[in-house]
Amino acid sequence: MTLTELSIKRPSFIIVLFTILVGGGMLAYRELSYELMPDFSPPVLTVTTTYPGASPSTVESQVSKPMEDGLSGLENLTDVTSFSIENASIILLEFKNEVNINDVLQDAQRKINTIDNTLPENASKPVLAKIEPNATPVLQVMATADKMDGTAFMTLMDEQILPLIKQVKGVAEIQVIGGEKREIRVNADKEKLKAYGLTLANVNQALASSNVEFPTGKVKKRIRTAHGTIGGKI
């Protein structure tokens, strides 16, 4: 009996068969798992180093170049790419596909610990990380200001704008790259220092000891009013 004859003579059987097929297909579709970004970690590492107040050329010569020279000796390394921007250096390390990224991560960290001693004093400790597509930020925003200096703009970002963004539902982390932090510059007169018998180390020590916060205890004071004496703490 052909399928055509079976469909004509037993229509109820065909209806039940197609119902089972459609129902099974819908159930399988609902249980089907899929990911927009599959769990895949390419053999690429990033090294990020911040150097506040440094121009791109200074970052390149004092941070990016020493990092490139020190990391270029890693095994199974295929390419090294550096980006020197204002206040920060970003280096991409690409390895062969067959390497174990966790083993390479440990080797690179040992290299960085050695190179860190040669970087400028004001540069932060290099941060080594794997490129993970699932951990990539979903939104990148660049902010600029035409009528504000860099320090005032960063103060505005830290004190007013970033706290509001952190309160948005779903925001897990905010990373800020670039900008100028507020700092105080002291210009010393060598002749006056010599006349008073002081050195730059003495000035540095005096500034450090003056900028210290520590608890000093409680002060009790009794306040006299028209209705009597009130005890209080300050």
C-alpha atoms as a PDB file:
ATOM      1  CA  MET A   1       0.000   0.000   0.000  1.00  0.00           C
ATOM      2  CA  THR A   2       1.441   3.337  -1.043  1.00  0.00           C
ATOM      3  CA  LEU A   3       1.476   6.455   1.101  1.00  0.00           C
ATOM      4  CA  THR A   4      -1.247   7.986  -1.092  1.00  0.00           C
ATOM      5  CA  GLU A   5      -3.563   5.009  -0.633  1.00  0.00           C
ATOM      6  CA  LEU A   6      -2.840   4.935   3.097  1.00  0.00           C
ATOM      7  CA  SER A   7      -3.703   8.644   3.367  1.00  0.00           C
ATOM      8  CA  ILE A   8      -7.021   8.122   1.580  1.00  0.00           C
ATOM      9  CA  LYS A   9      -8.103   4.933   3.290  1.00  0.00           C
ATOM     10  CA  ARG A  10      -6.840   5.766   6.803  1.00  0.00           C
ATOM     11  CA  PRO A  11      -6.903   9.584   7.214  1.00  0.00           C
ATOM     12  CA  SER A  12      -7.108   9.332  11.012  1.00  0.00           C
ATOM     13  CA  PHE A  13      -3.787   7.459  11.104  1.00  0.00           C
ATOM     14  CA  ILE A  14      -2.101  10.190   9.013  1.00  0.00           C
ATOM     15  CA  ILE A  15      -3.543  12.935  11.247  1.00  0.00           C
ATOM     16  CA  VAL A  16      -2.278  11.195  14.391  1.00  0.00           C
ATOM     17  CA  LEU A  17       1.148  10.646  12.778  1.00  0.00           C
ATOM     18  CA  PHE A  18       1.550  14.293  11.774  1.00  0.00           C
ATOM     19  CA  THR A  19       0.282  15.430  15.164  1.00  0.00           C
ATOM     20  CA  ILE A  20       2.993  13.359  16.860  1.00  0.00           C
ATOM     21  CA  LEU A  21       5.650  14.716  14.494  1.00  0.00           C
ATOM     22  CA  VAL A  22       4.582  18.342  14.995  1.00  0.00           C
ATOM     23  CA  GLY A  23       4.304  17.938  18.771  1.00  0.00           C
ATOM     24  CA  GLY A  24       7.695  16.227  18.968  1.00  0.00           C
ATOM     25  CA  GLY A  25       9.252  18.956  16.821  1.00  0.00           C
ATOM     26  CA  MET A  26       7.861  21.726  19.017  1.00  0.00           C
ATOM     27  CA  LEU A  27       9.026  19.954  22.177  1.00  0.00           C
ATOM     28  CA  ALA A  28      12.507  19.441  20.719  1.00  0.00           C
ATOM     29  CA  TYR A  29      12.665  23.105  19.676  1.00  0.00           C
ATOM     30  CA  ARG A  30      11.828  24.257  23.196  1.00  0.00           C
ATOM     31  CA  GLU A  31      14.504  22.016  24.693  1.00  0.00           C
ATOM     32  CA  LEU A  32      17.113  23.023  22.116  1.00  0.00           C
ATOM     33  CA  SER A  33      19.997  24.915  23.752  1.00  0.00           C
ATOM     34  CA  TYR A  34      21.810  27.679  21.914  1.00  0.00           C
ATOM     35  CA  GLU A  35      24.185  30.510  22.816  1.00  0.00           C
ATOM     36  CA  LEU A  36      24.629  33.856  21.164  1.00  0.00           C
ATOM     37  CA  MET A  37      28.303  33.875  22.272  1.00  0.00           C
ATOM     38  CA  PRO A  38      29.665  30.307  22.557  1.00  0.00           C
ATOM     39  CA  ASP A  39      32.142  29.527  25.325  1.00  0.00           C
ATOM     40  CA  PHE A  40      35.338  29.904  23.340  1.00  0.00           C
ATOM     41  CA  SER A  41      38.622  31.321  24.648  1.00  0.00           C
ATOM     42  CA  PRO A  42      41.128  32.218  21.912  1.00  0.00           C
ATOM     43  CA  PRO A  43      44.836  31.967  22.816  1.00  0.00           C
ATOM     44  CA  VAL A  44      45.192  35.727  23.301  1.00  0.00           C
ATOM     45  CA  LEU A  45      46.332  37.601  26.419  1.00  0.00           C
ATOM     46  CA  THR A  46      46.120  41.302  27.205  1.00  0.00           C
ATOM     47  CA  VAL A  47      48.502  43.295  29.387  1.00  0.00           C
ATOM     48  CA  THR A  48      47.150  46.654  30.572  1.00  0.00           C
ATOM     49  CA  THR A  49      49.322  49.207  32.352  1.00  0.00           C
ATOM     50  CA  THR A  50      48.166  52.668  33.399  1.00  0.00           C
ATOM     51  CA  TYR A  51      50.603  55.571  33.605  1.00  0.00           C
ATOM     52  CA  PRO A  52      48.691  58.667  34.849  1.00  0.00           C
ATOM     53  CA  GLY A  53      49.672  61.964  33.260  1.00  0.00           C
ATOM     54  CA  ALA A  54      51.839  60.429  30.513  1.00  0.00           C
ATOM     55  CA  SER A  55      51.511  61.273  26.823  1.00  0.00           C
ATOM     56  CA  PRO A  56      51.231  58.493  24.203  1.00  0.00           C
ATOM     57  CA  SER A  57      54.888  58.925  23.187  1.00  0.00           C
ATOM     58  CA  THR A  58      56.029  58.664  26.814  1.00  0.00           C
ATOM     59  CA  VAL A  59      53.854  55.596  27.374  1.00  0.00           C
ATOM     60  CA  GLU A  60      55.336  53.966  24.268  1.00  0.00           C
ATOM     61  CA  SER A  61      58.985  54.579  25.201  1.00  0.00           C
ATOM     62  CA  GLN A  62      58.785  53.912  28.959  1.00  0.00           C
ATOM     63  CA  VAL A  63      56.074  51.240  29.221  1.00  0.00           C
ATOM     64  CA  SER A  64      55.075  49.617  25.920  1.00  0.00           C
ATOM     65  CA  LYS A  65      58.589  49.133  24.537  1.00  0.00           C
ATOM     66  CA  PRO A  66      60.039  47.478  27.696  1.00  0.00           C
ATOM     67  CA  MET A  67      56.964  45.252  27.935  1.00  0.00           C
ATOM     68  CA  GLU A  68      57.278  44.181  24.294  1.00  0.00           C
ATOM     69  CA  ASP A  69      60.978  43.393  24.653  1.00  0.00           C
ATOM     70  CA  GLY A  70      60.420  41.343  27.800  1.00  0.00           C
ATOM     71  CA  LEU A  71      57.360  39.400  26.613  1.00  0.00           C
ATOM     72  CA  SER A  72      58.605  38.641  23.093  1.00  0.00           C
ATOM     73  CA  GLY A  73      60.607  35.695  24.468  1.00  0.00           C
ATOM     74  CA  LEU A  74      57.526  33.677  25.482  1.00  0.00           C
ATOM     75  CA  GLU A  75      57.197  30.250  23.869  1.00  0.00           C
ATOM     76  CA  ASN A  76      54.600  29.626  21.141  1.00  0.00           C
ATOM     77  CA  LEU A  77      54.104  33.386  20.738  1.00  0.00           C
ATOM     78  CA  THR A  78      53.040  34.338  17.205  1.00  0.00           C
ATOM     79  CA  ASP A  79      52.393  38.087  17.381  1.00  0.00           C
ATOM     80  CA  VAL A  80      52.745  41.045  19.749  1.00  0.00           C
ATOM     81  CA  THR A  81      50.663  44.202  19.248  1.00  0.00           C
ATOM     82  CA  SER A  82      50.872  47.270  21.458  1.00  0.00           C
ATOM     83  CA  PHE A  83      48.605  50.309  21.772  1.00  0.00           C
ATOM     84  CA  SER A  84      50.076  53.356  23.503  1.00  0.00           C
ATOM     85  CA  ILE A  85      47.394  55.853  24.400  1.00  0.00           C
ATOM     86  CA  GLU A  86      47.299  58.716  26.843  1.00  0.00           C
ATOM     87  CA  ASN A  87      47.769  57.432  30.409  1.00  0.00           C
ATOM     88  CA  ALA A  88      47.697  53.744  29.431  1.00  0.00           C
ATOM     89  CA  SER A  89      49.430  50.952  27.527  1.00  0.00           C
ATOM     90  CA  ILE A  90      47.637  47.904  26.121  1.00  0.00           C
ATOM     91  CA  ILE A  91      49.543  44.925  24.706  1.00  0.00           C
ATOM     92  CA  LEU A  92      47.988  41.943  22.902  1.00  0.00           C
ATOM     93  CA  LEU A  93      49.849  38.618  22.946  1.00  0.00           C
ATOM     94  CA  GLU A  94      48.705  36.054  20.351  1.00  0.00           C
ATOM     95  CA  PHE A  95      49.772  32.404  20.694  1.00  0.00           C
ATOM     96  CA  LYS A  96      49.461  29.240  18.642  1.00  0.00           C
ATOM     97  CA  ASN A  97      46.040  27.577  18.702  1.00  0.00           C
ATOM     98  CA  GLU A  98      47.288  24.333  20.259  1.00  0.00           C
ATOM     99  CA  VAL A  99      48.759  25.927  23.408  1.00  0.00           C
ATOM    100  CA  ASN A 100      47.192  25.634  26.858  1.00  0.00           C
ATOM    101  CA  ILE A 101      46.200  29.200  27.662  1.00  0.00           C
ATOM    102  CA  ASN A 102      46.408  28.625  31.431  1.00  0.00           C
ATOM    103  CA  ASP A 103      50.035  27.483  31.196  1.00  0.00           C
ATOM    104  CA  VAL A 104      50.899  30.449  28.998  1.00  0.00           C
ATOM    105  CA  LEU A 105      49.173  32.746  31.477  1.00  0.00           C
ATOM    106  CA  GLN A 106      51.489  31.607  34.267  1.00  0.00           C
ATOM    107  CA  ASP A 107      54.608  32.026  32.121  1.00  0.00           C
ATOM    108  CA  ALA A 108      53.553  35.520  31.064  1.00  0.00           C
ATOM    109  CA  GLN A 109      52.855  36.514  34.674  1.00  0.00           C
ATOM    110  CA  ARG A 110      56.372  35.502  35.702  1.00  0.00           C
ATOM    111  CA  LYS A 111      57.800  37.620  32.892  1.00  0.00           C
ATOM    112  CA  ILE A 112      55.669  40.594  33.912  1.00  0.00           C
ATOM    113  CA  ASN A 113      56.792  40.339  37.534  1.00  0.00           C
ATOM    114  CA  THR A 114      60.377  40.708  36.321  1.00  0.00           C
ATOM    115  CA  ILE A 115      59.621  43.600  33.961  1.00  0.00           C
ATOM    116  CA  ASP A 116      57.566  45.466  36.566  1.00  0.00           C
ATOM    117  CA  ASN A 117      60.727  46.542  38.406  1.00  0.00           C
ATOM    118  CA  THR A 118      61.969  48.431  35.329  1.00  0.00           C
ATOM    119  CA  LEU A 119      58.782  50.448  34.733  1.00  0.00           C
ATOM    120  CA  PRO A 120      58.391  54.084  35.904  1.00  0.00           C
ATOM    121  CA  GLU A 121      57.554  54.599  39.558  1.00  0.00           C
ATOM    122  CA  ASN A 122      54.180  56.228  38.831  1.00  0.00           C
ATOM    123  CA  ALA A 123      53.056  53.422  36.527  1.00  0.00           C
ATOM    124  CA  SER A 124      50.584  50.941  37.973  1.00  0.00           C
ATOM    125  CA  LYS A 125      51.232  47.213  38.186  1.00  0.00           C
ATOM    126  CA  PRO A 126      50.518  45.562  34.804  1.00  0.00           C
ATOM    127  CA  VAL A 127      47.265  43.611  34.701  1.00  0.00           C
ATOM    128  CA  LEU A 128      47.330  40.340  32.754  1.00  0.00           C
ATOM    129  CA  ALA A 129      44.059  38.846  31.523  1.00  0.00           C
ATOM    130  CA  LYS A 130      42.660  36.329  29.057  1.00  0.00           C
ATOM    131  CA  ILE A 131      40.297  37.391  26.292  1.00  0.00           C
ATOM    132  CA  GLU A 132      36.967  35.770  27.100  1.00  0.00           C
ATOM    133  CA  PRO A 133      34.068  36.596  24.743  1.00  0.00           C
ATOM    134  CA  ASN A 134      31.495  35.983  27.483  1.00  0.00           C
ATOM    135  CA  ALA A 135      33.227  38.539  29.712  1.00  0.00           C
ATOM    136  CA  THR A 136      33.527  41.225  27.037  1.00  0.00           C
ATOM    137  CA  PRO A 137      31.769  44.496  27.958  1.00  0.00           C
ATOM    138  CA  VAL A 138      28.489  44.889  26.141  1.00  0.00           C
ATOM    139  CA  LEU A 139      28.797  48.665  26.011  1.00  0.00           C
ATOM    140  CA  GLN A 140      31.792  50.915  25.487  1.00  0.00           C
ATOM    141  CA  VAL A 141      31.372  54.663  25.899  1.00  0.00           C
ATOM    142  CA  MET A 142      33.833  57.477  25.205  1.00  0.00           C
ATOM    143  CA  ALA A 143      33.308  60.782  27.003  1.00  0.00           C
ATOM    144  CA  THR A 144      34.980  64.085  26.102  1.00  0.00           C
ATOM    145  CA  ALA A 145      34.655  67.676  27.280  1.00  0.00           C
ATOM    146  CA  ASP A 146      35.477  70.780  25.228  1.00  0.00           C
ATOM    147  CA  LYS A 147      35.078  73.469  27.899  1.00  0.00           C
ATOM    148  CA  MET A 148      36.568  71.650  30.891  1.00  0.00           C
ATOM    149  CA  ASP A 149      40.151  70.742  31.717  1.00  0.00           C
ATOM    150  CA  GLY A 150      41.063  67.085  32.138  1.00  0.00           C
ATOM    151  CA  THR A 151      41.279  67.123  35.929  1.00  0.00           C
ATOM    152  CA  ALA A 152      37.886  68.784  36.447  1.00  0.00           C
ATOM    153  CA  PHE A 153      36.309  66.439  33.917  1.00  0.00           C
ATOM    154  CA  MET A 154      37.633  63.340  35.701  1.00  0.00           C
ATOM    155  CA  THR A 155      36.398  64.710  39.033  1.00  0.00           C
ATOM    156  CA  LEU A 156      32.952  65.155  37.495  1.00  0.00           C
ATOM    157  CA  MET A 157      33.044  61.600  36.141  1.00  0.00           C
ATOM    158  CA  ASP A 158      34.178  60.021  39.437  1.00  0.00           C
ATOM    159  CA  GLU A 159      31.868  61.966  41.760  1.00  0.00           C
ATOM    160  CA  GLN A 160      28.662  62.404  39.736  1.00  0.00           C
ATOM    161  CA  ILE A 161      28.420  60.441  36.480  1.00  0.00           C
ATOM    162  CA  LEU A 162      29.954  57.049  37.384  1.00  0.00           C
ATOM    163  CA  PRO A 163      27.905  56.622  40.609  1.00  0.00           C
ATOM    164  CA  LEU A 164      24.720  57.092  38.569  1.00  0.00           C
ATOM    165  CA  ILE A 165      25.816  54.536  35.973  1.00  0.00           C
ATOM    166  CA  LYS A 166      26.658  51.997  38.707  1.00  0.00           C
ATOM    167  CA  GLN A 167      23.074  52.249  39.989  1.00  0.00           C
ATOM    168  CA  VAL A 168      21.643  51.134  36.646  1.00  0.00           C
ATOM    169  CA  LYS A 169      20.157  47.649  36.853  1.00  0.00           C
ATOM    170  CA  GLY A 170      22.373  45.023  35.239  1.00  0.00           C
ATOM    171  CA  VAL A 171      25.647  46.961  35.463  1.00  0.00           C
ATOM    172  CA  ALA A 172      28.218  44.654  37.066  1.00  0.00           C
ATOM    173  CA  GLU A 173      31.480  46.531  36.546  1.00  0.00           C
ATOM    174  CA  ILE A 174      32.780  49.777  35.093  1.00  0.00           C
ATOM    175  CA  GLN A 175      36.337  50.166  33.853  1.00  0.00           C
ATOM    176  CA  VAL A 176      37.693  53.645  33.202  1.00  0.00           C
ATOM    177  CA  ILE A 177      40.728  54.073  30.942  1.00  0.00           C
ATOM    178  CA  GLY A 178      42.404  57.433  30.497  1.00  0.00           C
ATOM    179  CA  GLY A 179      41.727  60.779  32.080  1.00  0.00           C
ATOM    180  CA  GLU A 180      43.780  62.985  34.361  1.00  0.00           C
ATOM    181  CA  LYS A 181      43.632  62.627  38.124  1.00  0.00           C
ATOM    182  CA  ARG A 182      44.021  65.636  40.407  1.00  0.00           C
ATOM    183  CA  GLU A 183      47.503  66.060  41.827  1.00  0.00           C
ATOM    184  CA  ILE A 184      49.473  68.713  43.714  1.00  0.00           C
ATOM    185  CA  ARG A 185      52.848  69.796  42.402  1.00  0.00           C
ATOM    186  CA  VAL A 186      55.473  71.290  44.698  1.00  0.00           C
ATOM    187  CA  ASN A 187      58.280  73.365  43.184  1.00  0.00           C
ATOM    188  CA  ALA A 188      61.259  73.608  45.529  1.00  0.00           C
ATOM    189  CA  ASP A 189      63.783  76.452  45.534  1.00  0.00           C
ATOM    190  CA  LYS A 190      67.242  74.848  45.696  1.00  0.00           C
ATOM    191  CA  GLU A 191      68.909  77.994  47.055  1.00  0.00           C
ATOM    192  CA  LYS A 192      66.442  78.347  49.931  1.00  0.00           C
ATOM    193  CA  LEU A 193      66.672  74.653  50.726  1.00  0.00           C
ATOM    194  CA  LYS A 194      70.449  74.980  50.869  1.00  0.00           C
ATOM    195  CA  ALA A 195      70.202  78.052  53.098  1.00  0.00           C
ATOM    196  CA  TYR A 196      67.996  76.196  55.598  1.00  0.00           C
ATOM    197  CA  GLY A 197      70.080  73.023  55.375  1.00  0.00           C
ATOM    198  CA  LEU A 198      67.256  70.960  53.904  1.00  0.00           C
ATOM    199  CA  THR A 199      67.029  68.428  51.086  1.00  0.00           C
ATOM    200  CA  LEU A 200      64.256  67.271  48.803  1.00  0.00           C
ATOM    201  CA  ALA A 201      63.948  64.158  50.947  1.00  0.00           C
ATOM    202  CA  ASN A 202      63.161  66.380  53.972  1.00  0.00           C
ATOM    203  CA  VAL A 203      60.446  68.179  51.999  1.00  0.00           C
ATOM    204  CA  ASN A 204      58.987  64.884  50.805  1.00  0.00           C
ATOM    205  CA  GLN A 205      58.952  63.526  54.355  1.00  0.00           C
ATOM    206  CA  ALA A 206      57.284  66.684  55.699  1.00  0.00           C
ATOM    207  CA  LEU A 207      54.539  66.496  53.056  1.00  0.00           C
ATOM    208  CA  ALA A 208      53.970  62.790  53.713  1.00  0.00           C
ATOM    209  CA  SER A 209      53.698  63.294  57.481  1.00  0.00           C
ATOM    210  CA  SER A 210      51.281  66.225  57.039  1.00  0.00           C
ATOM    211  CA  ASN A 211      48.882  64.242  54.858  1.00  0.00           C
ATOM    212  CA  VAL A 212      47.930  61.538  57.357  1.00  0.00           C
ATOM    213  CA  GLU A 213      44.519  60.667  58.775  1.00  0.00           C
ATOM    214  CA  PHE A 214      44.255  58.723  62.023  1.00  0.00           C
ATOM    215  CA  PRO A 215      41.732  58.522  64.892  1.00  0.00           C
ATOM    216  CA  THR A 216      42.463  60.819  67.835  1.00  0.00           C
ATOM    217  CA  GLY A 217      39.724  59.726  70.257  1.00  0.00           C
ATOM    218  CA  LYS A 218      36.719  61.586  71.633  1.00  0.00           C
ATOM    219  CA  VAL A 219      36.329  65.066  73.084  1.00  0.00           C
ATOM    220  CA  LYS A 220      33.659  65.591  75.711  1.00  0.00           C
ATOM    221  CA  LYS A 221      32.220  69.038  76.251  1.00  0.00           C
ATOM    222  CA  ARG A 222      29.397  70.359  78.403  1.00  0.00           C
ATOM    223  CA  ILE A 223      27.252  73.016  76.743  1.00  0.00           C
ATOM    224  CA  ARG A 224      25.517  75.632  78.883  1.00  0.00           C
ATOM    225  CA  THR A 225      22.072  76.792  77.781  1.00  0.00           C
ATOM    226  CA  ALA A 226      19.315  78.908  79.266  1.00  0.00           C
ATOM    227  CA  HIS A 227      17.549  75.741  80.447  1.00  0.00           C
ATOM    228  CA  GLY A 228      20.578  74.045  81.995  1.00  0.00           C
ATOM    229  CA  THR A 229      23.735  72.159  81.100  1.00  0.00           C
ATOM    230  CA  ILE A 230      23.806  69.544  78.337  1.00  0.00           C
ATOM    231  CA  GLY A 231      26.562  66.951  78.024  1.00  0.00           C
ATOM    232  CA  GLY A 232      27.785  66.030  74.566  1.00  0.00           C
ATOM    233  CA  LYS A 233      30.558  64.421  72.575  1.00  0.00           C
ATOM    234  CA  ILE A 234      32.463  65.836  69.649  1.00  0.00           C
END
